[in-house]
């Protein structure tokens, strides 16, 4: 797409001069300036937020569960009548909630 020209024809300059950063000097302080009170911020973290942070830090994949399920599938012991019944009941609840 070489036939597309840059926006606002800014060839050779990535930032126009009107929005380039400039250094601003801080205002000089004098002894007549009134003393400002110090403001302190405070943050309180709720128990709910702490719990969510623990969840974020936990691994997304529980490899031990995956390995156990693969082992049961390979042995033919994963699909039991009780598990199939529970899966069917959950499916029916999703289709027709009580």
PDB file of N, CA and C in Angstrom:
ATOM      1  N   UNK A   1       0.813  -1.193   0.000  1.00  0.00           N
ATOM      2  CA  UNK A   1       0.000   0.000   0.000  1.00  0.00           C
ATOM      3  C   UNK A   1       0.860   1.262   0.000  1.00  0.00           C
ATOM      4  N   UNK A   2       1.791   1.376  -0.877  1.00  0.00           N
ATOM      5  CA  UNK A   2       2.638   2.561  -0.885  1.00  0.00           C
ATOM      6  C   UNK A   2       1.928   3.813  -1.364  1.00  0.00           C
ATOM      7  N   UNK A   3       0.726   3.683  -1.947  1.00  0.00           N
ATOM      8  CA  UNK A   3       0.035   4.854  -2.460  1.00  0.00           C
ATOM      9  C   UNK A   3      -0.766   5.596  -1.387  1.00  0.00           C
ATOM     10  N   UNK A   4      -0.740   5.117  -0.156  1.00  0.00           N
ATOM     11  CA  UNK A   4      -1.455   5.790   0.928  1.00  0.00           C
ATOM     12  C   UNK A   4      -0.517   6.794   1.571  1.00  0.00           C
ATOM     13  N   UNK A   5      -0.925   8.046   1.637  1.00  0.00           N
ATOM     14  CA  UNK A   5      -0.061   9.072   2.217  1.00  0.00           C
ATOM     15  C   UNK A   5      -0.305   9.161   3.723  1.00  0.00           C
ATOM     16  N   UNK A   6       0.696   9.602   4.491  1.00  0.00           N
ATOM     17  CA  UNK A   6       0.530   9.726   5.934  1.00  0.00           C
ATOM     18  C   UNK A   6      -0.546  10.740   6.283  1.00  0.00           C
ATOM     19  N   UNK A   7      -1.127  10.592   7.455  1.00  0.00           N
ATOM     20  CA  UNK A   7      -2.161  11.513   7.928  1.00  0.00           C
ATOM     21  C   UNK A   7      -1.554  12.896   8.113  1.00  0.00           C
ATOM     22  N   UNK A   8      -2.235  13.922   7.666  1.00  0.00           N
ATOM     23  CA  UNK A   8      -1.821  15.320   7.775  1.00  0.00           C
ATOM     24  C   UNK A   8      -0.461  15.589   7.134  1.00  0.00           C
ATOM     25  N   UNK A   9      -0.023  14.740   6.241  1.00  0.00           N
ATOM     26  CA  UNK A   9       1.247  14.903   5.533  1.00  0.00           C
ATOM     27  C   UNK A   9       2.407  15.169   6.487  1.00  0.00           C
ATOM     28  N   UNK A  10       2.544  14.353   7.511  1.00  0.00           N
ATOM     29  CA  UNK A  10       3.599  14.512   8.501  1.00  0.00           C
ATOM     30  C   UNK A  10       4.827  13.702   8.122  1.00  0.00           C
ATOM     31  N   UNK A  11       5.309  13.870   6.953  1.00  0.00           N
ATOM     32  CA  UNK A  11       6.449  13.102   6.500  1.00  0.00           C
ATOM     33  C   UNK A  11       7.700  13.581   7.219  1.00  0.00           C
ATOM     34  N   UNK A  12       8.492  12.621   7.733  1.00  0.00           N
ATOM     35  CA  UNK A  12       9.745  12.946   8.382  1.00  0.00           C
ATOM     36  C   UNK A  12       9.604  13.277   9.854  1.00  0.00           C
ATOM     37  N   UNK A  13       8.424  13.528  10.352  1.00  0.00           N
ATOM     38  CA  UNK A  13       8.226  13.851  11.770  1.00  0.00           C
ATOM     39  C   UNK A  13       7.106  12.989  12.300  1.00  0.00           C
ATOM     40  N   UNK A  14       7.372  12.251  13.354  1.00  0.00           N
ATOM     41  CA  UNK A  14       6.342  11.370  13.891  1.00  0.00           C
ATOM     42  C   UNK A  14       5.341  12.117  14.755  1.00  0.00           C
ATOM     43  N   UNK A  15       5.743  13.266  15.325  1.00  0.00           N
ATOM     44  CA  UNK A  15       4.848  14.041  16.183  1.00  0.00           C
ATOM     45  C   UNK A  15       4.874  15.485  15.719  1.00  0.00           C
ATOM     46  N   UNK A  16       3.721  16.079  15.445  1.00  0.00           N
ATOM     47  CA  UNK A  16       3.714  17.486  15.022  1.00  0.00           C
ATOM     48  C   UNK A  16       4.246  18.381  16.137  1.00  0.00           C
ATOM     49  N   UNK A  17       4.831  19.507  15.760  1.00  0.00           N
ATOM     50  CA  UNK A  17       5.426  20.432  16.731  1.00  0.00           C
ATOM     51  C   UNK A  17       4.393  20.938  17.724  1.00  0.00           C
ATOM     52  N   UNK A  18       3.137  21.021  17.332  1.00  0.00           N
ATOM     53  CA  UNK A  18       2.117  21.558  18.227  1.00  0.00           C
ATOM     54  C   UNK A  18       1.821  20.647  19.407  1.00  0.00           C
ATOM     55  N   UNK A  19       2.178  19.352  19.324  1.00  0.00           N
ATOM     56  CA  UNK A  19       1.907  18.463  20.445  1.00  0.00           C
ATOM     57  C   UNK A  19       3.170  17.839  21.019  1.00  0.00           C
ATOM     58  N   UNK A  20       4.328  18.347  20.676  1.00  0.00           N
ATOM     59  CA  UNK A  20       5.552  17.831  21.251  1.00  0.00           C
ATOM     60  C   UNK A  20       5.660  18.295  22.699  1.00  0.00           C
ATOM     61  N   UNK A  21       6.379  17.517  23.484  1.00  0.00           N
ATOM     62  CA  UNK A  21       6.523  17.842  24.896  1.00  0.00           C
ATOM     63  C   UNK A  21       7.460  19.029  25.066  1.00  0.00           C
ATOM     64  N   UNK A  22       7.137  19.869  26.020  1.00  0.00           N
ATOM     65  CA  UNK A  22       8.005  20.988  26.374  1.00  0.00           C
ATOM     66  C   UNK A  22       8.221  20.957  27.872  1.00  0.00           C
ATOM     67  N   UNK A  23       9.355  21.489  28.305  1.00  0.00           N
ATOM     68  CA  UNK A  23       9.674  21.490  29.729  1.00  0.00           C
ATOM     69  C   UNK A  23       9.110  22.754  30.347  1.00  0.00           C
ATOM     70  N   UNK A  24       8.459  22.594  31.481  1.00  0.00           N
ATOM     71  CA  UNK A  24       7.867  23.715  32.187  1.00  0.00           C
ATOM     72  C   UNK A  24       8.590  23.843  33.511  1.00  0.00           C
ATOM     73  N   UNK A  25       9.068  25.054  33.816  1.00  0.00           N
ATOM     74  CA  UNK A  25       9.754  25.285  35.076  1.00  0.00           C
ATOM     75  C   UNK A  25       8.738  25.350  36.206  1.00  0.00           C
ATOM     76  N   UNK A  26       9.107  24.797  37.353  1.00  0.00           N
ATOM     77  CA  UNK A  26       8.241  24.844  38.525  1.00  0.00           C
ATOM     78  C   UNK A  26       8.250  26.260  39.077  1.00  0.00           C
ATOM     79  N   UNK A  27       7.118  26.719  39.612  1.00  0.00           N
ATOM     80  CA  UNK A  27       7.078  28.070  40.169  1.00  0.00           C
ATOM     81  C   UNK A  27       8.020  28.180  41.364  1.00  0.00           C
ATOM     82  N   UNK A  28       8.627  29.318  41.501  1.00  0.00           N
ATOM     83  CA  UNK A  28       9.550  29.544  42.614  1.00  0.00           C
ATOM     84  C   UNK A  28       8.758  29.711  43.905  1.00  0.00           C
ATOM     85  N   UNK A  29       9.283  29.184  45.003  1.00  0.00           N
ATOM     86  CA  UNK A  29       8.611  29.317  46.293  1.00  0.00           C
ATOM     87  C   UNK A  29       9.247  30.462  47.056  1.00  0.00           C
ATOM     88  N   UNK A  30       8.420  31.131  47.787  1.00  0.00           N
ATOM     89  CA  UNK A  30       8.906  32.247  48.604  1.00  0.00           C
ATOM     90  C   UNK A  30       8.531  31.998  50.047  1.00  0.00           C
ATOM     91  N   UNK A  31       9.131  32.763  50.922  1.00  0.00           N
ATOM     92  CA  UNK A  31       8.845  32.593  52.351  1.00  0.00           C
ATOM     93  C   UNK A  31       7.467  33.105  52.719  1.00  0.00           C
ATOM     94  N   UNK A  32       6.807  33.864  51.820  1.00  0.00           N
ATOM     95  CA  UNK A  32       5.477  34.389  52.110  1.00  0.00           C
ATOM     96  C   UNK A  32       4.370  33.420  51.718  1.00  0.00           C
ATOM     97  N   UNK A  33       4.746  32.293  51.121  1.00  0.00           N
ATOM     98  CA  UNK A  33       3.749  31.295  50.721  1.00  0.00           C
ATOM     99  C   UNK A  33       3.171  30.658  51.979  1.00  0.00           C
ATOM    100  N   UNK A  34       1.841  30.587  52.114  1.00  0.00           N
ATOM    101  CA  UNK A  34       1.260  29.968  53.312  1.00  0.00           C
ATOM    102  C   UNK A  34       1.616  28.490  53.370  1.00  0.00           C
ATOM    103  N   UNK A  35       1.792  27.982  54.574  1.00  0.00           N
ATOM    104  CA  UNK A  35       2.144  26.575  54.767  1.00  0.00           C
ATOM    105  C   UNK A  35       0.936  25.706  54.413  1.00  0.00           C
ATOM    106  N   UNK A  36       1.195  24.724  53.559  1.00  0.00           N
ATOM    107  CA  UNK A  36       0.116  23.829  53.160  1.00  0.00           C
ATOM    108  C   UNK A  36       0.082  22.632  54.099  1.00  0.00           C
ATOM    109  N   UNK A  37      -1.117  22.152  54.377  1.00  0.00           N
ATOM    110  CA  UNK A  37      -1.240  20.965  55.219  1.00  0.00           C
ATOM    111  C   UNK A  37      -0.950  19.734  54.383  1.00  0.00           C
ATOM    112  N   UNK A  38      -0.355  18.748  55.007  1.00  0.00           N
ATOM    113  CA  UNK A  38      -0.014  17.519  54.304  1.00  0.00           C
ATOM    114  C   UNK A  38      -1.243  16.627  54.239  1.00  0.00           C
ATOM    115  N   UNK A  39      -1.533  16.152  53.053  1.00  0.00           N
ATOM    116  CA  UNK A  39      -2.683  15.270  52.844  1.00  0.00           C
ATOM    117  C   UNK A  39      -2.150  13.869  52.628  1.00  0.00           C
ATOM    118  N   UNK A  40      -2.716  12.931  53.336  1.00  0.00           N
ATOM    119  CA  UNK A  40      -2.298  11.540  53.182  1.00  0.00           C
ATOM    120  C   UNK A  40      -3.467  10.726  52.667  1.00  0.00           C
ATOM    121  N   UNK A  41      -3.187   9.892  51.692  1.00  0.00           N
ATOM    122  CA  UNK A  41      -4.196   8.983  51.152  1.00  0.00           C
ATOM    123  C   UNK A  41      -4.121   7.665  51.898  1.00  0.00           C
ATOM    124  N   UNK A  42      -5.247   6.980  51.936  1.00  0.00           N
ATOM    125  CA  UNK A  42      -5.303   5.682  52.599  1.00  0.00           C
ATOM    126  C   UNK A  42      -6.102   4.728  51.733  1.00  0.00           C
ATOM    127  N   UNK A  43      -5.619   3.507  51.635  1.00  0.00           N
ATOM    128  CA  UNK A  43      -6.296   2.488  50.841  1.00  0.00           C
ATOM    129  C   UNK A  43      -6.641   1.333  51.755  1.00  0.00           C
ATOM    130  N   UNK A  44      -7.879   0.881  51.671  1.00  0.00           N
ATOM    131  CA  UNK A  44      -8.311  -0.296  52.418  1.00  0.00           C
ATOM    132  C   UNK A  44      -8.717  -1.367  51.409  1.00  0.00           C
ATOM    133  N   UNK A  45      -8.184  -2.555  51.601  1.00  0.00           N
ATOM    134  CA  UNK A  45      -8.476  -3.660  50.689  1.00  0.00           C
ATOM    135  C   UNK A  45      -9.436  -4.613  51.391  1.00  0.00           C
ATOM    136  N   UNK A  46     -10.562  -4.866  50.757  1.00  0.00           N
ATOM    137  CA  UNK A  46     -11.585  -5.713  51.360  1.00  0.00           C
ATOM    138  C   UNK A  46     -11.169  -7.186  51.321  1.00  0.00           C
ATOM    139  N   UNK A  47     -11.819  -7.971  52.136  1.00  0.00           N
ATOM    140  CA  UNK A  47     -11.566  -9.417  52.134  1.00  0.00           C
ATOM    141  C   UNK A  47     -11.929 -10.023  50.778  1.00  0.00           C
ATOM    142  N   UNK A  48     -12.980  -9.502  50.179  1.00  0.00           N
ATOM    143  CA  UNK A  48     -13.394  -9.985  48.859  1.00  0.00           C
ATOM    144  C   UNK A  48     -12.279  -9.746  47.839  1.00  0.00           C
ATOM    145  N   UNK A  49     -11.672  -8.562  47.872  1.00  0.00           N
ATOM    146  CA  UNK A  49     -10.580  -8.252  46.950  1.00  0.00           C
ATOM    147  C   UNK A  49      -9.375  -9.148  47.219  1.00  0.00           C
ATOM    148  N   UNK A  50      -9.095  -9.432  48.475  1.00  0.00           N
ATOM    149  CA  UNK A  50      -7.983 -10.333  48.803  1.00  0.00           C
ATOM    150  C   UNK A  50      -8.241 -11.730  48.231  1.00  0.00           C
ATOM    151  N   UNK A  51      -9.486 -12.187  48.364  1.00  0.00           N
ATOM    152  CA  UNK A  51      -9.854 -13.503  47.840  1.00  0.00           C
ATOM    153  C   UNK A  51      -9.703 -13.537  46.315  1.00  0.00           C
ATOM    154  N   UNK A  52     -10.159 -12.479  45.648  1.00  0.00           N
ATOM    155  CA  UNK A  52     -10.033 -12.418  44.190  1.00  0.00           C
ATOM    156  C   UNK A  52      -8.572 -12.419  43.756  1.00  0.00           C
ATOM    157  N   UNK A  53      -7.716 -11.756  44.517  1.00  0.00           N
ATOM    158  CA  UNK A  53      -6.296 -11.745  44.176  1.00  0.00           C
ATOM    159  C   UNK A  53      -5.696 -13.144  44.306  1.00  0.00           C
ATOM    160  N   UNK A  54      -6.104 -13.888  45.334  1.00  0.00           N
ATOM    161  CA  UNK A  54      -5.627 -15.268  45.483  1.00  0.00           C
ATOM    162  C   UNK A  54      -6.067 -16.114  44.289  1.00  0.00           C
ATOM    163  N   UNK A  55      -7.300 -15.897  43.830  1.00  0.00           N
ATOM    164  CA  UNK A  55      -7.793 -16.640  42.671  1.00  0.00           C
ATOM    165  C   UNK A  55      -7.005 -16.290  41.413  1.00  0.00           C
ATOM    166  N   UNK A  56      -6.666 -14.993  41.255  1.00  0.00           N
ATOM    167  CA  UNK A  56      -5.894 -14.578  40.088  1.00  0.00           C
ATOM    168  C   UNK A  56      -4.503 -15.194  40.088  1.00  0.00           C
ATOM    169  N   UNK A  57      -3.940 -15.412  41.265  1.00  0.00           N
ATOM    170  CA  UNK A  57      -2.588 -15.950  41.352  1.00  0.00           C
ATOM    171  C   UNK A  57      -2.553 -17.467  41.215  1.00  0.00           C
ATOM    172  N   UNK A  58      -3.696 -18.119  41.378  1.00  0.00           N
ATOM    173  CA  UNK A  58      -3.722 -19.572  41.254  1.00  0.00           C
ATOM    174  C   UNK A  58      -3.624 -19.960  39.779  1.00  0.00           C
ATOM    175  N   UNK A  59      -3.051 -21.114  39.503  1.00  0.00           N
ATOM    176  CA  UNK A  59      -2.927 -21.525  38.097  1.00  0.00           C
ATOM    177  C   UNK A  59      -4.305 -21.788  37.486  1.00  0.00           C
ATOM    178  N   UNK A  60      -4.427 -21.477  36.206  1.00  0.00           N
ATOM    179  CA  UNK A  60      -5.692 -21.673  35.508  1.00  0.00           C
ATOM    180  C   UNK A  60      -5.995 -23.155  35.295  1.00  0.00           C
ATOM    181  N   UNK A  61      -4.970 -23.954  35.178  1.00  0.00           N
ATOM    182  CA  UNK A  61      -5.148 -25.375  34.891  1.00  0.00           C
ATOM    183  C   UNK A  61      -4.676 -26.182  36.094  1.00  0.00           C
ATOM    184  N   UNK A  62      -5.551 -27.025  36.602  1.00  0.00           N
ATOM    185  CA  UNK A  62      -5.153 -27.923  37.691  1.00  0.00           C
ATOM    186  C   UNK A  62      -4.730 -29.237  37.052  1.00  0.00           C
ATOM    187  N   UNK A  63      -3.438 -29.348  36.790  1.00  0.00           N
ATOM    188  CA  UNK A  63      -2.898 -30.478  36.054  1.00  0.00           C
ATOM    189  C   UNK A  63      -3.209 -31.802  36.732  1.00  0.00           C
ATOM    190  N   UNK A  64      -3.266 -31.823  38.064  1.00  0.00           N
ATOM    191  CA  UNK A  64      -3.553 -33.076  38.764  1.00  0.00           C
ATOM    192  C   UNK A  64      -4.951 -33.592  38.419  1.00  0.00           C
ATOM    193  N   UNK A  65      -5.922 -32.683  38.292  1.00  0.00           N
ATOM    194  CA  UNK A  65      -7.286 -33.089  37.907  1.00  0.00           C
ATOM    195  C   UNK A  65      -7.306 -33.640  36.485  1.00  0.00           C
ATOM    196  N   UNK A  66      -6.578 -32.987  35.603  1.00  0.00           N
ATOM    197  CA  UNK A  66      -6.530 -33.440  34.215  1.00  0.00           C
ATOM    198  C   UNK A  66      -5.891 -34.820  34.125  1.00  0.00           C
ATOM    199  N   UNK A  67      -4.779 -34.999  34.834  1.00  0.00           N
ATOM    200  CA  UNK A  67      -4.090 -36.291  34.811  1.00  0.00           C
ATOM    201  C   UNK A  67      -4.966 -37.407  35.378  1.00  0.00           C
ATOM    202  N   UNK A  68      -5.703 -37.107  36.452  1.00  0.00           N
ATOM    203  CA  UNK A  68      -6.574 -38.119  37.051  1.00  0.00           C
ATOM    204  C   UNK A  68      -7.696 -38.504  36.079  1.00  0.00           C
ATOM    205  N   UNK A  69      -8.291 -37.512  35.425  1.00  0.00           N
ATOM    206  CA  UNK A  69      -9.371 -37.796  34.468  1.00  0.00           C
ATOM    207  C   UNK A  69      -8.844 -38.602  33.278  1.00  0.00           C
ATOM    208  N   UNK A  70      -7.680 -38.242  32.776  1.00  0.00           N
ATOM    209  CA  UNK A  70      -7.102 -38.996  31.649  1.00  0.00           C
ATOM    210  C   UNK A  70      -6.824 -40.443  32.049  1.00  0.00           C
ATOM    211  N   UNK A  71      -6.335 -40.621  33.249  1.00  0.00           N
ATOM    212  CA  UNK A  71      -6.039 -41.969  33.727  1.00  0.00           C
ATOM    213  C   UNK A  71      -7.313 -42.800  33.833  1.00  0.00           C
ATOM    214  N   UNK A  72      -8.377 -42.205  34.393  1.00  0.00           N
ATOM    215  CA  UNK A  72      -9.650 -42.922  34.523  1.00  0.00           C
ATOM    216  C   UNK A  72     -10.245 -43.244  33.152  1.00  0.00           C
ATOM    217  N   UNK A  73     -10.122 -42.306  32.207  1.00  0.00           N
ATOM    218  CA  UNK A  73     -10.641 -42.553  30.860  1.00  0.00           C
ATOM    219  C   UNK A  73      -9.882 -43.707  30.214  1.00  0.00           C
ATOM    220  N   UNK A  74      -8.560 -43.695  30.366  1.00  0.00           N
ATOM    221  CA  UNK A  74      -7.740 -44.757  29.778  1.00  0.00           C
ATOM    222  C   UNK A  74      -8.061 -46.119  30.380  1.00  0.00           C
ATOM    223  N   UNK A  75      -8.399 -46.147  31.674  1.00  0.00           N
ATOM    224  CA  UNK A  75      -8.720 -47.408  32.347  1.00  0.00           C
ATOM    225  C   UNK A  75     -10.175 -47.819  32.130  1.00  0.00           C
ATOM    226  N   UNK A  76     -10.984 -46.926  31.567  1.00  0.00           N
ATOM    227  CA  UNK A  76     -12.397 -47.231  31.352  1.00  0.00           C
ATOM    228  C   UNK A  76     -13.241 -47.091  32.602  1.00  0.00           C
ATOM    229  N   UNK A  77     -12.736 -46.379  33.627  1.00  0.00           N
ATOM    230  CA  UNK A  77     -13.490 -46.224  34.878  1.00  0.00           C
ATOM    231  C   UNK A  77     -14.067 -44.831  35.054  1.00  0.00           C
ATOM    232  N   UNK A  78     -13.908 -43.965  34.070  1.00  0.00           N
ATOM    233  CA  UNK A  78     -14.376 -42.578  34.213  1.00  0.00           C
ATOM    234  C   UNK A  78     -15.887 -42.469  34.078  1.00  0.00           C
ATOM    235  N   UNK A  79     -16.454 -43.142  33.095  1.00  0.00           N
ATOM    236  CA  UNK A  79     -17.892 -43.051  32.842  1.00  0.00           C
ATOM    237  C   UNK A  79     -18.627 -44.099  33.664  1.00  0.00           C
ATOM    238  N   UNK A  80     -19.012 -43.709  34.865  1.00  0.00           N
ATOM    239  CA  UNK A  80     -19.787 -44.600  35.729  1.00  0.00           C
ATOM    240  C   UNK A  80     -21.260 -44.226  35.596  1.00  0.00           C
ATOM    241  N   UNK A  81     -22.160 -45.136  35.958  1.00  0.00           N
ATOM    242  CA  UNK A  81     -23.589 -44.808  35.885  1.00  0.00           C
ATOM    243  C   UNK A  81     -23.946 -43.572  36.722  1.00  0.00           C
ATOM    244  N   UNK A  82     -23.315 -43.406  37.877  1.00  0.00           N
ATOM    245  CA  UNK A  82     -23.618 -42.240  38.719  1.00  0.00           C
ATOM    246  C   UNK A  82     -23.175 -40.931  38.051  1.00  0.00           C
ATOM    247  N   UNK A  83     -22.014 -40.945  37.439  1.00  0.00           N
ATOM    248  CA  UNK A  83     -21.524 -39.737  36.759  1.00  0.00           C
ATOM    249  C   UNK A  83     -22.391 -39.407  35.547  1.00  0.00           C
ATOM    250  N   UNK A  84     -22.788 -40.430  34.788  1.00  0.00           N
ATOM    251  CA  UNK A  84     -23.644 -40.191  33.629  1.00  0.00           C
ATOM    252  C   UNK A  84     -24.999 -39.636  34.054  1.00  0.00           C
ATOM    253  N   UNK A  85     -25.549 -40.187  35.136  1.00  0.00           N
ATOM    254  CA  UNK A  85     -26.839 -39.704  35.648  1.00  0.00           C
ATOM    255  C   UNK A  85     -26.728 -38.249  36.087  1.00  0.00           C
ATOM    256  N   UNK A  86     -25.646 -37.901  36.801  1.00  0.00           N
ATOM    257  CA  UNK A  86     -25.447 -36.523  37.258  1.00  0.00           C
ATOM    258  C   UNK A  86     -25.296 -35.567  36.072  1.00  0.00           C
ATOM    259  N   UNK A  87     -24.570 -35.994  35.040  1.00  0.00           N
ATOM    260  CA  UNK A  87     -24.387 -35.162  33.854  1.00  0.00           C
ATOM    261  C   UNK A  87     -25.711 -34.943  33.130  1.00  0.00           C
ATOM    262  N   UNK A  88     -26.519 -36.006  33.037  1.00  0.00           N
ATOM    263  CA  UNK A  88     -27.822 -35.878  32.383  1.00  0.00           C
ATOM    264  C   UNK A  88     -28.758 -34.971  33.170  1.00  0.00           C
ATOM    265  N   UNK A  89     -28.726 -35.065  34.493  1.00  0.00           N
ATOM    266  CA  UNK A  89     -29.573 -34.200  35.314  1.00  0.00           C
ATOM    267  C   UNK A  89     -29.160 -32.735  35.168  1.00  0.00           C
ATOM    268  N   UNK A  90     -27.849 -32.451  35.117  1.00  0.00           N
ATOM    269  CA  UNK A  90     -27.393 -31.071  34.915  1.00  0.00           C
ATOM    270  C   UNK A  90     -27.824 -30.568  33.546  1.00  0.00           C
ATOM    271  N   UNK A  91     -27.742 -31.431  32.540  1.00  0.00           N
ATOM    272  CA  UNK A  91     -28.162 -31.052  31.197  1.00  0.00           C
ATOM    273  C   UNK A  91     -29.654 -30.737  31.163  1.00  0.00           C
ATOM    274  N   UNK A  92     -30.448 -31.567  31.791  1.00  0.00           N
ATOM    275  CA  UNK A  92     -31.902 -31.330  31.841  1.00  0.00           C
ATOM    276  C   UNK A  92     -32.232 -30.044  32.591  1.00  0.00           C
ATOM    277  N   UNK A  93     -31.484 -29.746  33.663  1.00  0.00           N
ATOM    278  CA  UNK A  93     -31.707 -28.506  34.404  1.00  0.00           C
ATOM    279  C   UNK A  93     -31.387 -27.289  33.545  1.00  0.00           C
ATOM    280  N   UNK A  94     -30.384 -27.395  32.683  1.00  0.00           N
ATOM    281  CA  UNK A  94     -30.041 -26.285  31.804  1.00  0.00           C
ATOM    282  C   UNK A  94     -31.112 -26.098  30.730  1.00  0.00           C
ATOM    283  N   UNK A  95     -31.661 -27.217  30.247  1.00  0.00           N
ATOM    284  CA  UNK A  95     -32.672 -27.139  29.200  1.00  0.00           C
ATOM    285  C   UNK A  95     -33.997 -26.663  29.765  1.00  0.00           C
ATOM    286  N   UNK A  96     -34.439 -27.249  30.854  1.00  0.00           N
ATOM    287  CA  UNK A  96     -35.704 -26.898  31.499  1.00  0.00           C
ATOM    288  C   UNK A  96     -35.474 -26.657  32.971  1.00  0.00           C
ATOM    289  N   UNK A  97     -35.165 -25.416  33.365  1.00  0.00           N
ATOM    290  CA  UNK A  97     -34.968 -25.146  34.784  1.00  0.00           C
ATOM    291  C   UNK A  97     -36.259 -25.407  35.564  1.00  0.00           C
ATOM    292  N   UNK A  98     -36.111 -25.912  36.798  1.00  0.00           N
ATOM    293  CA  UNK A  98     -37.305 -26.238  37.597  1.00  0.00           C
ATOM    294  C   UNK A  98     -38.003 -25.051  38.139  1.00  0.00           C
TER     295      UNK A  98
END
